[in-house]
Protein backbone atom coordinates (compact mmCIF):
# COMPACT_ATOMS: atom_id res chain seq x y z
CA MET A 1 -0.94 12.54 8.32
CA LYS A 2 -4.53 12.03 7.25
CA PHE A 3 -5.21 9.13 4.86
CA ASP A 4 -8.19 7.92 2.91
CA GLN A 5 -7.51 4.27 2.74
CA GLU A 6 -5.17 1.74 4.45
CA LEU A 7 -3.56 -1.32 2.90
CA ASN A 8 -2.05 -3.89 5.25
CA VAL A 9 0.58 -5.90 3.51
CA CYS A 10 2.28 -7.22 6.64
CA GLY A 11 3.87 -10.76 6.36
CA LEU A 12 4.25 -10.35 2.49
CA VAL A 13 7.62 -10.14 0.77
CA CYS A 14 8.63 -8.37 -2.36
CA PRO A 15 7.36 -7.96 -4.95
CA VAL A 16 3.89 -8.80 -3.52
CA PRO A 17 3.56 -5.53 -1.36
CA ALA A 18 4.58 -3.36 -4.36
CA LEU A 19 2.10 -5.14 -6.64
CA LYS A 20 -0.74 -4.96 -4.25
CA THR A 21 -0.03 -1.28 -3.58
CA LYS A 22 0.01 -0.40 -7.37
CA LYS A 23 -3.32 -2.33 -7.82
CA GLN A 24 -4.89 -0.42 -5.00
CA LEU A 25 -3.65 3.04 -6.30
CA MET A 26 -5.14 2.25 -9.69
CA LYS A 27 -8.62 1.93 -8.02
CA MET A 28 -8.24 5.31 -6.26
CA ARG A 29 -9.07 8.83 -7.50
CA PRO A 30 -6.22 11.38 -7.99
CA GLY A 31 -5.50 13.32 -4.74
CA THR A 32 -6.42 10.56 -2.38
CA VAL A 33 -3.97 9.17 0.12
CA LEU A 34 -3.13 5.44 0.70
CA LYS A 35 -1.40 4.32 3.81
CA VAL A 36 0.55 1.17 3.32
CA VAL A 37 1.49 -0.86 6.48
CA THR A 38 4.20 -3.43 6.19
CA ASN A 39 6.77 -5.26 8.36
CA TYR A 40 9.19 -6.18 5.66
CA ARG A 41 12.33 -4.29 6.40
CA PRO A 42 13.74 -3.98 2.87
CA ALA A 43 10.49 -2.24 1.75
């Protein structure tokens, strides 16, 4: 899948990845795709 931006939240535990993702999405224009990379299994 093609994406416009990537957010690496590896090593972080909830709720930090969700908060950082929301913050990044608020900066982006509608229709753009954000790839979120995490290694936290419950996410």
